[in-house]
N, C-alpha and C. Protein backbone atom coordinates (compact mmCIF):
# COMPACT_ATOMS: atom_id res chain seq x y z
N MET A 1 6.40 28.04 9.25
CA MET A 1 6.27 26.74 8.62
C MET A 1 7.14 25.75 9.39
N GLU A 2 6.54 24.59 9.70
CA GLU A 2 7.25 23.56 10.44
C GLU A 2 7.71 22.47 9.48
N ARG A 3 8.92 21.95 9.70
CA ARG A 3 9.44 20.84 8.90
C ARG A 3 9.37 19.58 9.76
N ILE A 4 8.68 18.56 9.23
CA ILE A 4 8.54 17.29 9.95
C ILE A 4 9.28 16.22 9.16
N LYS A 5 10.24 15.57 9.82
CA LYS A 5 10.97 14.47 9.18
C LYS A 5 10.16 13.20 9.40
N THR A 6 9.99 12.45 8.31
CA THR A 6 9.18 11.23 8.37
C THR A 6 9.67 10.29 7.28
N SER A 7 8.89 9.30 6.96
CA SER A 7 9.21 8.44 5.82
C SER A 7 7.95 8.25 4.99
N CYS A 8 8.14 8.07 3.71
CA CYS A 8 7.04 7.86 2.78
C CYS A 8 6.54 6.43 2.94
N ASP A 9 5.24 6.24 2.94
CA ASP A 9 4.66 4.90 3.06
C ASP A 9 4.02 4.48 1.75
N GLY A 10 4.46 5.07 0.64
CA GLY A 10 3.88 4.74 -0.66
C GLY A 10 4.32 3.40 -1.21
N CYS A 11 5.41 2.86 -0.67
CA CYS A 11 5.90 1.55 -1.11
C CYS A 11 6.84 1.00 -0.03
N ALA A 12 7.50 -0.09 -0.37
CA ALA A 12 8.37 -0.76 0.60
C ALA A 12 9.68 -0.03 0.88
N VAL A 13 10.06 0.89 0.00
CA VAL A 13 11.33 1.58 0.20
C VAL A 13 11.27 2.47 1.44
N CYS A 14 10.14 3.09 1.69
CA CYS A 14 9.98 4.00 2.83
C CYS A 14 11.05 5.09 2.81
N CYS A 15 11.14 5.80 1.70
CA CYS A 15 12.14 6.86 1.53
C CYS A 15 12.03 7.89 2.65
N GLY A 16 13.18 8.43 3.03
CA GLY A 16 13.18 9.52 3.99
C GLY A 16 12.51 10.73 3.38
N ALA A 17 11.63 11.38 4.13
CA ALA A 17 10.88 12.51 3.60
C ALA A 17 10.86 13.65 4.60
N GLN A 18 10.66 14.83 4.06
CA GLN A 18 10.42 16.03 4.86
C GLN A 18 9.07 16.59 4.42
N VAL A 19 8.22 16.85 5.40
CA VAL A 19 6.92 17.42 5.11
C VAL A 19 6.88 18.80 5.74
N PHE A 20 6.57 19.79 4.94
CA PHE A 20 6.50 21.17 5.42
C PHE A 20 5.03 21.51 5.65
N VAL A 21 4.73 21.92 6.89
CA VAL A 21 3.34 22.12 7.32
C VAL A 21 3.16 23.56 7.79
N SER A 22 2.02 24.14 7.42
CA SER A 22 1.71 25.51 7.85
C SER A 22 1.32 25.51 9.33
N GLU A 23 1.22 26.69 9.91
CA GLU A 23 0.81 26.80 11.31
C GLU A 23 -0.59 26.24 11.52
N GLY A 24 -1.41 26.27 10.48
CA GLY A 24 -2.77 25.73 10.56
C GLY A 24 -2.83 24.23 10.35
N GLY A 25 -1.70 23.59 10.09
CA GLY A 25 -1.65 22.15 9.92
C GLY A 25 -1.80 21.66 8.50
N ARG A 26 -1.79 22.54 7.53
CA ARG A 26 -1.92 22.14 6.12
C ARG A 26 -0.54 21.82 5.54
N VAL A 27 -0.47 20.68 4.84
CA VAL A 27 0.78 20.30 4.20
C VAL A 27 1.01 21.24 3.01
N LEU A 28 2.19 21.85 2.99
CA LEU A 28 2.53 22.80 1.93
C LEU A 28 3.47 22.21 0.89
N LYS A 29 4.30 21.26 1.33
CA LYS A 29 5.32 20.72 0.43
C LYS A 29 5.84 19.39 0.99
N ILE A 30 6.16 18.47 0.10
CA ILE A 30 6.80 17.21 0.47
C ILE A 30 8.06 17.09 -0.37
N GLU A 31 9.16 16.73 0.27
CA GLU A 31 10.40 16.50 -0.48
C GLU A 31 11.24 15.44 0.22
N GLY A 32 12.22 14.93 -0.50
CA GLY A 32 13.11 13.94 0.08
C GLY A 32 13.96 14.53 1.19
N ASP A 33 14.34 13.68 2.14
CA ASP A 33 15.17 14.10 3.26
C ASP A 33 16.64 13.86 2.92
N PRO A 34 17.40 14.94 2.73
CA PRO A 34 18.81 14.77 2.36
C PRO A 34 19.64 14.11 3.46
N ASP A 35 19.15 14.10 4.69
CA ASP A 35 19.88 13.48 5.80
C ASP A 35 19.57 11.99 5.95
N HIS A 36 18.64 11.46 5.17
CA HIS A 36 18.29 10.04 5.28
C HIS A 36 19.49 9.21 4.83
N PRO A 37 19.89 8.20 5.63
CA PRO A 37 21.13 7.46 5.33
C PRO A 37 21.08 6.62 4.05
N GLU A 38 19.92 6.26 3.58
CA GLU A 38 19.86 5.41 2.38
C GLU A 38 19.39 6.17 1.14
N THR A 39 18.30 6.93 1.25
CA THR A 39 17.76 7.57 0.05
C THR A 39 18.35 8.95 -0.21
N LYS A 40 19.01 9.52 0.78
CA LYS A 40 19.80 10.75 0.62
C LYS A 40 19.07 11.87 -0.14
N GLY A 41 17.79 12.07 0.17
CA GLY A 41 17.04 13.15 -0.44
C GLY A 41 16.28 12.76 -1.70
N HIS A 42 16.49 11.55 -2.18
CA HIS A 42 15.79 11.10 -3.38
C HIS A 42 14.41 10.56 -3.02
N MET A 43 13.42 10.89 -3.83
CA MET A 43 12.08 10.32 -3.71
C MET A 43 11.51 10.20 -5.12
N CYS A 44 10.70 9.16 -5.32
CA CYS A 44 10.07 9.01 -6.64
C CYS A 44 8.86 9.94 -6.73
N ILE A 45 8.29 10.01 -7.90
CA ILE A 45 7.16 10.90 -8.14
C ILE A 45 5.95 10.49 -7.31
N LYS A 46 5.83 9.20 -7.02
CA LYS A 46 4.70 8.72 -6.22
C LYS A 46 4.73 9.36 -4.83
N GLY A 47 5.88 9.40 -4.21
CA GLY A 47 6.00 10.02 -2.90
C GLY A 47 5.88 11.54 -2.95
N LEU A 48 6.49 12.13 -3.97
CA LEU A 48 6.43 13.58 -4.10
C LEU A 48 5.01 14.08 -4.41
N ALA A 49 4.17 13.20 -4.94
CA ALA A 49 2.79 13.57 -5.27
C ALA A 49 1.83 13.33 -4.10
N GLY A 50 2.36 13.10 -2.93
CA GLY A 50 1.53 12.82 -1.76
C GLY A 50 0.47 13.87 -1.48
N MET A 51 0.78 15.13 -1.73
CA MET A 51 -0.20 16.20 -1.49
C MET A 51 -1.40 16.05 -2.41
N GLU A 52 -1.16 15.58 -3.64
CA GLU A 52 -2.27 15.40 -4.58
C GLU A 52 -3.23 14.34 -4.08
N LEU A 53 -2.70 13.31 -3.43
CA LEU A 53 -3.56 12.29 -2.84
C LEU A 53 -4.29 12.84 -1.62
N LEU A 54 -3.57 13.55 -0.78
CA LEU A 54 -4.14 14.07 0.46
C LEU A 54 -5.26 15.07 0.21
N TYR A 55 -5.09 15.94 -0.75
CA TYR A 55 -6.05 17.02 -0.96
C TYR A 55 -6.91 16.86 -2.23
N ASN A 56 -6.93 15.68 -2.81
CA ASN A 56 -7.72 15.46 -4.02
C ASN A 56 -9.21 15.55 -3.71
N ASP A 57 -9.94 16.28 -4.54
CA ASP A 57 -11.39 16.44 -4.36
C ASP A 57 -12.14 15.12 -4.46
N MET A 58 -11.58 14.14 -5.14
CA MET A 58 -12.25 12.85 -5.34
C MET A 58 -11.93 11.86 -4.21
N ARG A 59 -11.09 12.25 -3.26
CA ARG A 59 -10.71 11.35 -2.18
C ARG A 59 -11.91 11.02 -1.31
N VAL A 60 -12.04 9.74 -0.99
CA VAL A 60 -13.12 9.29 -0.11
C VAL A 60 -12.62 9.42 1.33
N ASN A 61 -13.32 10.23 2.12
CA ASN A 61 -12.90 10.50 3.50
C ASN A 61 -13.83 9.89 4.55
N TYR A 62 -14.86 9.20 4.10
CA TYR A 62 -15.82 8.61 5.03
C TYR A 62 -16.49 7.44 4.31
N PRO A 63 -17.12 6.54 5.07
CA PRO A 63 -17.75 5.37 4.43
C PRO A 63 -18.92 5.76 3.53
N LEU A 64 -19.02 5.05 2.42
CA LEU A 64 -20.12 5.22 1.48
C LEU A 64 -20.76 3.86 1.22
N LYS A 65 -22.05 3.89 0.95
CA LYS A 65 -22.80 2.67 0.65
C LYS A 65 -23.59 2.91 -0.63
N ARG A 66 -23.52 1.93 -1.53
CA ARG A 66 -24.29 2.03 -2.77
C ARG A 66 -25.77 2.04 -2.43
N THR A 67 -26.52 2.97 -3.02
CA THR A 67 -27.95 3.11 -2.68
C THR A 67 -28.78 1.96 -3.23
N ASP A 68 -28.33 1.37 -4.34
CA ASP A 68 -29.06 0.28 -4.97
C ASP A 68 -28.04 -0.58 -5.69
N LYS A 69 -28.26 -1.88 -5.72
CA LYS A 69 -27.32 -2.81 -6.34
C LYS A 69 -26.95 -2.42 -7.77
N ASN A 70 -27.93 -1.90 -8.52
CA ASN A 70 -27.71 -1.56 -9.92
C ASN A 70 -27.44 -0.08 -10.14
N SER A 71 -27.24 0.65 -9.07
CA SER A 71 -27.08 2.09 -9.18
C SER A 71 -25.61 2.49 -9.04
N GLU A 72 -25.28 3.64 -9.57
CA GLU A 72 -23.96 4.22 -9.38
C GLU A 72 -24.00 5.32 -8.32
N LYS A 73 -25.12 5.41 -7.61
CA LYS A 73 -25.28 6.43 -6.57
C LYS A 73 -24.86 5.86 -5.22
N TRP A 74 -24.24 6.74 -4.44
CA TRP A 74 -23.73 6.34 -3.13
C TRP A 74 -24.29 7.29 -2.07
N GLU A 75 -24.42 6.76 -0.85
CA GLU A 75 -24.84 7.59 0.27
C GLU A 75 -23.83 7.46 1.41
N ARG A 76 -23.66 8.53 2.13
CA ARG A 76 -22.74 8.52 3.27
C ARG A 76 -23.39 7.77 4.42
N ILE A 77 -22.59 6.91 5.08
CA ILE A 77 -23.06 6.18 6.26
C ILE A 77 -22.04 6.37 7.38
N SER A 78 -22.43 6.02 8.59
CA SER A 78 -21.53 6.17 9.74
C SER A 78 -20.48 5.06 9.73
N TRP A 79 -19.40 5.28 10.46
CA TRP A 79 -18.38 4.25 10.59
C TRP A 79 -18.95 3.02 11.27
N ASP A 80 -19.79 3.21 12.27
CA ASP A 80 -20.40 2.07 12.96
C ASP A 80 -21.23 1.22 12.00
N GLU A 81 -22.03 1.88 11.16
CA GLU A 81 -22.84 1.14 10.19
C GLU A 81 -21.95 0.41 9.18
N ALA A 82 -20.92 1.07 8.71
CA ALA A 82 -20.02 0.45 7.74
C ALA A 82 -19.34 -0.79 8.33
N LEU A 83 -18.81 -0.66 9.52
CA LEU A 83 -18.13 -1.79 10.15
C LEU A 83 -19.10 -2.93 10.44
N SER A 84 -20.31 -2.59 10.82
CA SER A 84 -21.34 -3.60 11.08
C SER A 84 -21.70 -4.35 9.79
N LEU A 85 -21.90 -3.62 8.69
CA LEU A 85 -22.22 -4.24 7.41
C LEU A 85 -21.10 -5.19 6.96
N ILE A 86 -19.87 -4.73 7.07
CA ILE A 86 -18.72 -5.54 6.66
C ILE A 86 -18.60 -6.79 7.54
N SER A 87 -18.71 -6.60 8.84
CA SER A 87 -18.61 -7.71 9.78
C SER A 87 -19.69 -8.75 9.53
N ASN A 88 -20.92 -8.30 9.35
CA ASN A 88 -22.03 -9.22 9.11
C ASN A 88 -21.84 -10.00 7.81
N ARG A 89 -21.40 -9.33 6.77
CA ARG A 89 -21.22 -9.98 5.47
C ARG A 89 -20.08 -11.00 5.52
N LEU A 90 -18.97 -10.64 6.17
CA LEU A 90 -17.86 -11.58 6.29
C LEU A 90 -18.25 -12.81 7.11
N THR A 91 -19.00 -12.59 8.18
CA THR A 91 -19.48 -13.70 9.02
C THR A 91 -20.39 -14.61 8.20
N GLU A 92 -21.27 -14.03 7.42
CA GLU A 92 -22.19 -14.80 6.57
C GLU A 92 -21.42 -15.65 5.56
N ILE A 93 -20.43 -15.07 4.91
CA ILE A 93 -19.63 -15.79 3.92
C ILE A 93 -18.84 -16.91 4.60
N ARG A 94 -18.22 -16.59 5.73
CA ARG A 94 -17.42 -17.60 6.44
C ARG A 94 -18.28 -18.78 6.89
N GLU A 95 -19.47 -18.51 7.40
CA GLU A 95 -20.35 -19.58 7.86
C GLU A 95 -20.90 -20.41 6.70
N LYS A 96 -21.22 -19.77 5.59
CA LYS A 96 -21.82 -20.46 4.46
C LYS A 96 -20.81 -21.25 3.63
N TYR A 97 -19.62 -20.66 3.39
CA TYR A 97 -18.65 -21.26 2.48
C TYR A 97 -17.35 -21.71 3.15
N GLY A 98 -17.16 -21.37 4.42
CA GLY A 98 -15.93 -21.70 5.12
C GLY A 98 -14.92 -20.56 5.06
N PRO A 99 -14.02 -20.51 6.04
CA PRO A 99 -13.06 -19.39 6.09
C PRO A 99 -12.10 -19.37 4.91
N GLU A 100 -11.84 -20.53 4.29
CA GLU A 100 -10.92 -20.58 3.16
C GLU A 100 -11.49 -19.89 1.92
N SER A 101 -12.78 -19.56 1.93
CA SER A 101 -13.39 -18.87 0.80
C SER A 101 -13.07 -17.38 0.79
N ILE A 102 -12.44 -16.91 1.84
CA ILE A 102 -12.11 -15.49 1.96
C ILE A 102 -10.63 -15.28 1.69
N VAL A 103 -10.33 -14.28 0.87
CA VAL A 103 -8.94 -13.89 0.61
C VAL A 103 -8.76 -12.46 1.11
N VAL A 104 -7.73 -12.25 1.90
CA VAL A 104 -7.40 -10.91 2.37
C VAL A 104 -6.26 -10.40 1.50
N ALA A 105 -6.50 -9.31 0.79
CA ALA A 105 -5.50 -8.77 -0.13
C ALA A 105 -5.04 -7.40 0.35
N HIS A 106 -3.78 -7.13 0.15
CA HIS A 106 -3.24 -5.81 0.48
C HIS A 106 -2.52 -5.27 -0.74
N GLY A 107 -2.29 -4.00 -0.73
CA GLY A 107 -1.65 -3.34 -1.86
C GLY A 107 -0.15 -3.41 -1.77
N SER A 108 0.48 -2.28 -1.88
CA SER A 108 1.93 -2.18 -1.90
C SER A 108 2.54 -2.88 -0.69
N TRP A 109 3.65 -3.54 -0.93
CA TRP A 109 4.33 -4.26 0.13
C TRP A 109 4.85 -3.27 1.16
N SER A 110 4.39 -3.43 2.36
CA SER A 110 4.84 -2.59 3.46
C SER A 110 4.71 -3.40 4.72
N HIS A 111 5.61 -3.21 5.64
CA HIS A 111 5.56 -3.97 6.89
C HIS A 111 4.20 -3.82 7.56
N ASP A 112 3.66 -2.62 7.57
CA ASP A 112 2.37 -2.37 8.20
C ASP A 112 1.25 -3.11 7.48
N HIS A 113 1.22 -2.99 6.15
CA HIS A 113 0.15 -3.62 5.37
C HIS A 113 0.16 -5.13 5.52
N VAL A 114 1.34 -5.73 5.41
CA VAL A 114 1.47 -7.18 5.50
C VAL A 114 1.07 -7.65 6.89
N GLY A 115 1.52 -6.96 7.91
CA GLY A 115 1.20 -7.35 9.28
C GLY A 115 -0.28 -7.27 9.58
N ILE A 116 -0.90 -6.17 9.19
CA ILE A 116 -2.33 -6.00 9.43
C ILE A 116 -3.13 -7.01 8.63
N SER A 117 -2.78 -7.22 7.37
CA SER A 117 -3.48 -8.19 6.53
C SER A 117 -3.39 -9.60 7.12
N THR A 118 -2.20 -9.99 7.54
CA THR A 118 -1.99 -11.32 8.09
C THR A 118 -2.77 -11.49 9.39
N PHE A 119 -2.75 -10.48 10.24
CA PHE A 119 -3.49 -10.54 11.50
C PHE A 119 -4.99 -10.65 11.24
N PHE A 120 -5.50 -9.85 10.29
CA PHE A 120 -6.92 -9.87 9.95
C PHE A 120 -7.31 -11.24 9.38
N ALA A 121 -6.47 -11.80 8.51
CA ALA A 121 -6.75 -13.12 7.94
C ALA A 121 -6.80 -14.18 9.04
N ALA A 122 -5.86 -14.11 9.97
CA ALA A 122 -5.85 -15.08 11.08
C ALA A 122 -7.12 -14.95 11.92
N ALA A 123 -7.57 -13.73 12.15
CA ALA A 123 -8.79 -13.51 12.93
C ALA A 123 -10.01 -14.09 12.21
N LEU A 124 -10.00 -14.04 10.87
CA LEU A 124 -11.10 -14.61 10.09
C LEU A 124 -10.98 -16.12 9.95
N GLY A 125 -9.78 -16.65 10.20
CA GLY A 125 -9.56 -18.09 10.07
C GLY A 125 -9.16 -18.53 8.68
N THR A 126 -8.76 -17.58 7.83
CA THR A 126 -8.36 -17.94 6.47
C THR A 126 -6.84 -17.91 6.32
N PRO A 127 -6.29 -18.87 5.58
CA PRO A 127 -4.85 -18.84 5.31
C PRO A 127 -4.52 -18.00 4.07
N ASN A 128 -5.53 -17.45 3.43
CA ASN A 128 -5.36 -16.78 2.14
C ASN A 128 -5.07 -15.29 2.28
N VAL A 129 -3.80 -14.95 2.14
CA VAL A 129 -3.37 -13.56 2.15
C VAL A 129 -2.56 -13.34 0.88
N MET A 130 -2.86 -12.27 0.17
CA MET A 130 -2.11 -12.00 -1.06
C MET A 130 -1.79 -10.52 -1.17
N GLY A 131 -0.77 -10.23 -1.92
CA GLY A 131 -0.38 -8.85 -2.14
C GLY A 131 -0.12 -8.60 -3.61
N MET A 132 0.37 -7.43 -3.89
CA MET A 132 0.64 -7.02 -5.26
C MET A 132 2.13 -6.95 -5.53
N ASP A 133 2.90 -7.76 -4.83
CA ASP A 133 4.34 -7.67 -4.88
C ASP A 133 4.91 -7.77 -6.30
N TYR A 134 4.39 -8.66 -7.09
CA TYR A 134 4.96 -8.87 -8.42
C TYR A 134 4.57 -7.80 -9.43
N ILE A 135 3.51 -7.07 -9.15
CA ILE A 135 3.14 -5.99 -10.06
C ILE A 135 3.35 -4.63 -9.44
N CYS A 136 3.76 -4.60 -8.18
CA CYS A 136 3.96 -3.31 -7.52
C CYS A 136 5.40 -3.18 -7.02
N PHE A 137 5.79 -4.05 -6.10
CA PHE A 137 7.10 -3.93 -5.47
C PHE A 137 8.25 -4.13 -6.46
N GLY A 138 8.17 -5.19 -7.26
CA GLY A 138 9.24 -5.48 -8.21
C GLY A 138 9.48 -4.36 -9.19
N PRO A 139 8.44 -3.92 -9.90
CA PRO A 139 8.64 -2.80 -10.82
C PRO A 139 9.11 -1.53 -10.12
N MET A 140 8.63 -1.31 -8.89
CA MET A 140 9.06 -0.13 -8.14
C MET A 140 10.56 -0.20 -7.86
N ALA A 141 11.03 -1.39 -7.48
CA ALA A 141 12.45 -1.54 -7.17
C ALA A 141 13.31 -1.30 -8.41
N LEU A 142 12.86 -1.83 -9.53
CA LEU A 142 13.60 -1.62 -10.77
C LEU A 142 13.55 -0.15 -11.19
N ALA A 143 12.40 0.49 -11.02
CA ALA A 143 12.27 1.91 -11.37
C ALA A 143 13.15 2.77 -10.47
N CYS A 144 13.23 2.39 -9.20
CA CYS A 144 14.08 3.13 -8.26
C CYS A 144 15.53 3.11 -8.74
N HIS A 145 15.97 1.94 -9.17
CA HIS A 145 17.33 1.82 -9.68
C HIS A 145 17.51 2.60 -10.98
N ALA A 146 16.55 2.48 -11.88
CA ALA A 146 16.67 3.15 -13.18
C ALA A 146 16.56 4.67 -13.05
N ASP A 147 15.61 5.14 -12.24
CA ASP A 147 15.36 6.58 -12.11
C ASP A 147 16.39 7.29 -11.25
N MET A 148 16.76 6.66 -10.14
CA MET A 148 17.62 7.35 -9.18
C MET A 148 19.00 6.76 -9.07
N GLY A 149 19.23 5.60 -9.73
CA GLY A 149 20.55 4.98 -9.67
C GLY A 149 20.89 4.45 -8.30
N ILE A 150 19.86 4.08 -7.54
CA ILE A 150 20.10 3.62 -6.17
C ILE A 150 19.62 2.18 -6.04
N PRO A 151 20.46 1.21 -6.38
CA PRO A 151 20.02 -0.17 -6.28
C PRO A 151 19.81 -0.62 -4.85
N THR A 152 20.41 0.07 -3.89
CA THR A 152 20.28 -0.34 -2.49
C THR A 152 19.37 0.58 -1.70
N ALA A 153 18.55 1.37 -2.39
CA ALA A 153 17.65 2.27 -1.67
C ALA A 153 16.68 1.51 -0.80
N LEU A 154 16.52 0.21 -1.09
CA LEU A 154 15.60 -0.59 -0.31
C LEU A 154 16.13 -0.81 1.10
N GLY A 155 17.42 -0.70 1.29
CA GLY A 155 17.97 -0.85 2.62
C GLY A 155 18.10 -2.30 3.06
N PHE A 156 17.69 -3.22 2.23
CA PHE A 156 17.83 -4.62 2.57
C PHE A 156 18.11 -5.40 1.30
N LYS A 157 19.39 -5.36 0.91
CA LYS A 157 19.83 -5.95 -0.35
C LYS A 157 19.42 -7.42 -0.46
N SER A 158 19.59 -8.17 0.62
CA SER A 158 19.31 -9.60 0.53
C SER A 158 17.86 -9.86 0.18
N PHE A 159 16.94 -9.04 0.70
CA PHE A 159 15.53 -9.21 0.37
C PHE A 159 15.32 -8.92 -1.11
N PHE A 160 15.94 -7.86 -1.60
CA PHE A 160 15.80 -7.50 -3.01
C PHE A 160 16.34 -8.61 -3.90
N VAL A 161 17.49 -9.15 -3.54
CA VAL A 161 18.10 -10.22 -4.34
C VAL A 161 17.19 -11.45 -4.34
N SER A 162 16.68 -11.85 -3.17
CA SER A 162 15.82 -13.03 -3.13
C SER A 162 14.52 -12.77 -3.89
N PHE A 163 14.02 -11.55 -3.82
CA PHE A 163 12.81 -11.19 -4.55
C PHE A 163 13.06 -11.28 -6.05
N ALA A 164 14.20 -10.77 -6.50
CA ALA A 164 14.54 -10.81 -7.92
C ALA A 164 14.68 -12.26 -8.39
N ILE A 165 15.28 -13.11 -7.57
CA ILE A 165 15.41 -14.52 -7.93
C ILE A 165 14.04 -15.18 -8.05
N GLN A 166 13.13 -14.86 -7.13
CA GLN A 166 11.76 -15.39 -7.20
C GLN A 166 11.10 -14.94 -8.50
N CYS A 167 11.23 -13.66 -8.83
CA CYS A 167 10.62 -13.15 -10.07
C CYS A 167 11.18 -13.87 -11.28
N LEU A 168 12.52 -14.04 -11.32
CA LEU A 168 13.12 -14.72 -12.46
C LEU A 168 12.63 -16.15 -12.56
N GLY A 169 12.46 -16.81 -11.42
CA GLY A 169 11.94 -18.18 -11.41
C GLY A 169 10.52 -18.24 -11.95
N ILE A 170 9.70 -17.30 -11.55
CA ILE A 170 8.32 -17.26 -12.04
C ILE A 170 8.29 -16.98 -13.53
N PHE A 171 9.09 -16.00 -13.98
CA PHE A 171 9.10 -15.67 -15.40
C PHE A 171 9.61 -16.84 -16.24
N SER A 172 10.63 -17.56 -15.75
CA SER A 172 11.14 -18.69 -16.53
C SER A 172 10.10 -19.81 -16.58
N ARG A 173 9.33 -20.02 -15.51
CA ARG A 173 8.25 -21.03 -15.54
C ARG A 173 7.19 -20.61 -16.53
N LEU A 174 6.86 -19.33 -16.59
CA LEU A 174 5.84 -18.87 -17.52
C LEU A 174 6.27 -19.10 -18.97
N ARG A 175 7.55 -18.92 -19.24
CA ARG A 175 8.04 -19.12 -20.61
C ARG A 175 7.98 -20.60 -21.01
N ARG A 176 8.20 -21.51 -20.03
CA ARG A 176 8.19 -22.95 -20.34
C ARG A 176 6.79 -23.49 -20.50
N ASP A 177 5.83 -22.93 -19.75
CA ASP A 177 4.46 -23.46 -19.80
C ASP A 177 3.83 -23.12 -21.14
N PRO A 178 3.08 -24.11 -21.72
CA PRO A 178 2.44 -23.84 -23.01
C PRO A 178 1.32 -22.84 -22.89
């Protein structure tokens, strides 16, 4: 069994992780890396459950296309066909409604996700990029502190503080608005 040191990409914390892999390349176990300078072996359940995501029977591993607009049936298509369909549809929308009609959204805050989303939006000509920071990153940061007692597991305190201030500002505006 081989031990591979890596980091979890389930959220912005990027906890230090160890992945134990069989000789055949199958992941056998995921755990926190005790040598990681910030997370010191701690990982949340989301990261520890990585194998369930990787080997889930319901995981989509290739492009699918709905067989009919009103159907719940899907058919497997090639990557070339999928990329062509997406490209053609985005071009059609951009030409008909303008690039500002397109919003590029990404999930959990991560340097990779934000960078790719921003680059893709720029290529499309849209300024509209959004993420799930207020419903994903913020609660994750608070849960990290509550569950593991590590307020600095993020590794960038100033970002966390500015993020918390932004959240408080938004919440106080929501309370004032009728």
